[in-house]
C-alpha atoms as a PDB file:
ATOM      1  CA  MET A   1       0.000   0.000   0.000  1.00  0.00           C
ATOM      2  CA  VAL A   2       2.952   2.329   0.496  1.00  0.00           C
ATOM      3  CA  LEU A   3       5.409   1.166  -2.131  1.00  0.00           C
ATOM      4  CA  VAL A   4       3.667   2.515  -5.250  1.00  0.00           C
ATOM      5  CA  PRO A   5       3.238   6.085  -3.931  1.00  0.00           C
ATOM      6  CA  LEU A   6       6.853   6.028  -2.732  1.00  0.00           C
ATOM      7  CA  LEU A   7       8.081   4.926  -6.149  1.00  0.00           C
ATOM      8  CA  ILE A   8       6.029   7.654  -7.842  1.00  0.00           C
ATOM      9  CA  HIS A   9       7.000  10.439  -5.467  1.00  0.00           C
ATOM     10  CA  PHE A  10      10.603   9.667  -4.549  1.00  0.00           C
ATOM     11  CA  GLY A  11      11.578   7.414  -7.439  1.00  0.00           C
ATOM     12  CA  LYS A  12      10.023   9.795  -9.997  1.00  0.00           C
ATOM     13  CA  LEU A  13       8.577   6.827 -11.893  1.00  0.00           C
ATOM     14  CA  GLU A  14       5.572   6.977 -14.193  1.00  0.00           C
ATOM     15  CA  ASP A  15       2.431   5.420 -12.755  1.00  0.00           C
ATOM     16  CA  LYS A  16       2.525   2.175 -14.716  1.00  0.00           C
ATOM     17  CA  LYS A  17       6.264   1.790 -14.141  1.00  0.00           C
ATOM     18  CA  ALA A  18       5.699   2.236 -10.398  1.00  0.00           C
ATOM     19  CA  PHE A  19       3.011  -0.469 -10.330  1.00  0.00           C
ATOM     20  CA  SER A  20       5.110  -2.944 -12.311  1.00  0.00           C
ATOM     21  CA  SER A  21       8.207  -2.115 -10.243  1.00  0.00           C
ATOM     22  CA  ALA A  22       6.252  -2.698  -7.040  1.00  0.00           C
ATOM     23  CA  ILE A  23       5.286  -6.148  -8.261  1.00  0.00           C
ATOM     24  CA  SER A  24       8.899  -6.936  -9.125  1.00  0.00           C
ATOM     25  CA  ILE A  25       9.924  -5.863  -5.611  1.00  0.00           C
ATOM     26  CA  ILE A  26       7.110  -7.664  -3.779  1.00  0.00           C
ATOM     27  CA  LEU A  27       7.523 -11.018  -5.577  1.00  0.00           C
ATOM     28  CA  PRO A  28      11.044 -11.767  -4.255  1.00  0.00           C
ATOM     29  CA  MET A  29       9.957 -10.712  -0.760  1.00  0.00           C
ATOM     30  CA  CYS A  30       7.048 -13.155  -0.936  1.00  0.00           C
ATOM     31  CA  LEU A  31       9.331 -15.949  -2.088  1.00  0.00           C
ATOM     32  CA  VAL A  32      11.724 -15.305   0.808  1.00  0.00           C
ATOM     33  CA  THR A  33       8.796 -15.331   3.245  1.00  0.00           C
ATOM     34  CA  LEU A  34       7.484 -18.582   1.759  1.00  0.00           C
ATOM     35  CA  THR A  35      10.938 -20.157   2.134  1.00  0.00           C
ATOM     36  CA  VAL A  36      11.233 -19.071   5.770  1.00  0.00           C
ATOM     37  CA  TYR A  37       7.798 -20.463   6.636  1.00  0.00           C
ATOM     38  CA  TRP A  38       8.465 -23.681   4.700  1.00  0.00           C
ATOM     39  CA  ARG A  39      11.829 -24.321   6.371  1.00  0.00           C
ATOM     40  CA  SER A  40      10.443 -23.638   9.854  1.00  0.00           C
ATOM     41  CA  GLY A  41       7.569 -26.063   9.281  1.00  0.00           C
ATOM     42  CA  ASN A  42       4.895 -23.377   9.623  1.00  0.00           C
ATOM     43  CA  PHE A  43       3.607 -23.359   6.032  1.00  0.00           C
ATOM     44  CA  PRO A  44      -0.096 -24.257   6.150  1.00  0.00           C
ATOM     45  CA  GLY A  45      -0.045 -26.215   2.858  1.00  0.00           C
ATOM     46  CA  VAL A  46      -3.614 -27.240   2.039  1.00  0.00           C
ATOM     47  CA  GLU A  47      -5.134 -24.285   3.897  1.00  0.00           C
ATOM     48  CA  ALA A  48      -3.163 -21.855   1.715  1.00  0.00           C
ATOM     49  CA  LEU A  49      -4.281 -23.320  -1.624  1.00  0.00           C
ATOM     50  CA  PRO A  50      -7.484 -21.225  -2.020  1.00  0.00           C
ATOM     51  CA  TYR A  51      -5.494 -18.032  -1.423  1.00  0.00           C
ATOM     52  CA  LEU A  52      -2.720 -19.100  -3.770  1.00  0.00           C
ATOM     53  CA  ALA A  53      -5.261 -19.983  -6.481  1.00  0.00           C
ATOM     54  CA  GLY A  54      -6.997 -16.622  -6.049  1.00  0.00           C
ATOM     55  CA  GLY A  55      -3.679 -14.801  -6.230  1.00  0.00           C
ATOM     56  CA  LEU A  56      -2.748 -16.687  -9.393  1.00  0.00           C
ATOM     57  CA  VAL A  57      -6.041 -15.842 -11.116  1.00  0.00           C
ATOM     58  CA  GLY A  58      -5.825 -12.204 -10.017  1.00  0.00           C
ATOM     59  CA  GLY A  59      -2.216 -11.937 -11.124  1.00  0.00           C
ATOM     60  CA  LEU A  60      -2.962 -13.381 -14.548  1.00  0.00           C
ATOM     61  CA  ALA A  61      -6.001 -11.123 -15.018  1.00  0.00           C
ATOM     62  CA  GLY A  62      -4.015  -8.084 -13.890  1.00  0.00           C
ATOM     63  CA  GLY A  63      -1.179  -8.937 -16.253  1.00  0.00           C
ATOM     64  CA  LEU A  64      -3.540  -9.257 -19.196  1.00  0.00           C
ATOM     65  CA  LEU A  65      -5.403  -6.032 -18.410  1.00  0.00           C
ATOM     66  CA  PHE A  66      -2.355  -3.953 -17.409  1.00  0.00           C
ATOM     67  CA  ARG A  67      -1.665  -2.446 -20.835  1.00  0.00           C
ATOM     68  CA  ARG A  68      -5.333  -1.582 -21.392  1.00  0.00           C
ATOM     69  CA  VAL A  69      -5.849   0.340 -18.147  1.00  0.00           C
ATOM     70  CA  THR A  70      -5.181   4.077 -17.912  1.00  0.00           C
ATOM     71  CA  PRO A  71      -2.975   5.510 -15.157  1.00  0.00           C
ATOM     72  CA  GLN A  72      -5.920   7.607 -13.943  1.00  0.00           C
ATOM     73  CA  PHE A  73      -7.993   4.453 -13.424  1.00  0.00           C
ATOM     74  CA  LEU A  74      -5.112   2.800 -11.559  1.00  0.00           C
ATOM     75  CA  HIS A  75      -4.833   5.808  -9.228  1.00  0.00           C
ATOM     76  CA  ARG A  76      -8.553   5.770  -8.483  1.00  0.00           C
ATOM     77  CA  LEU A  77      -8.648   2.017  -7.952  1.00  0.00           C
ATOM     78  CA  PHE A  78      -5.586   2.125  -5.699  1.00  0.00           C
ATOM     79  CA  GLY A  79      -7.122   5.010  -3.720  1.00  0.00           C
ATOM     80  CA  LEU A  80     -10.374   3.083  -3.257  1.00  0.00           C
ATOM     81  CA  ILE A  81      -8.490   0.029  -2.024  1.00  0.00           C
ATOM     82  CA  ILE A  82      -6.587   2.140   0.517  1.00  0.00           C
ATOM     83  CA  LEU A  83      -9.822   3.825   1.687  1.00  0.00           C
ATOM     84  CA  TRP A  84     -11.624   0.481   1.958  1.00  0.00           C
ATOM     85  CA  GLY A  85      -8.781  -0.960   4.033  1.00  0.00           C
ATOM     86  CA  GLY A  86      -8.741   2.079   6.294  1.00  0.00           C
ATOM     87  CA  LEU A  87     -12.494   1.952   6.853  1.00  0.00           C
ATOM     88  CA  ARG A  88     -12.332  -1.749   7.664  1.00  0.00           C
ATOM     89  CA  LEU A  89      -9.684  -1.002  10.282  1.00  0.00           C
ATOM     90  CA  LEU A  90     -11.858   1.689  11.831  1.00  0.00           C
ATOM     91  CA  TRP A  91     -14.936  -0.539  12.159  1.00  0.00           C
ATOM     92  CA  THR A  92     -13.321  -3.800  13.256  1.00  0.00           C
END
């Protein structure tokens, strides 16, 4: 939630470059986290499959739609996701 605005503001990247760069930064971090959990025996295996499948479908859909989406739409969508997350935190 913080990486894309940081890349736009401080990294002076274009919007789409910031989103794709964020993905390229987050993916290795996720793989390291997966390795740590796996090696410590805390990876929930079967319980994680629905989330992994959802992430795969979302990632593929996002990759296919990425070139067709305007930067303005990405900003609005990203803003709505941040607002939704903030409101959920306030009411839970």
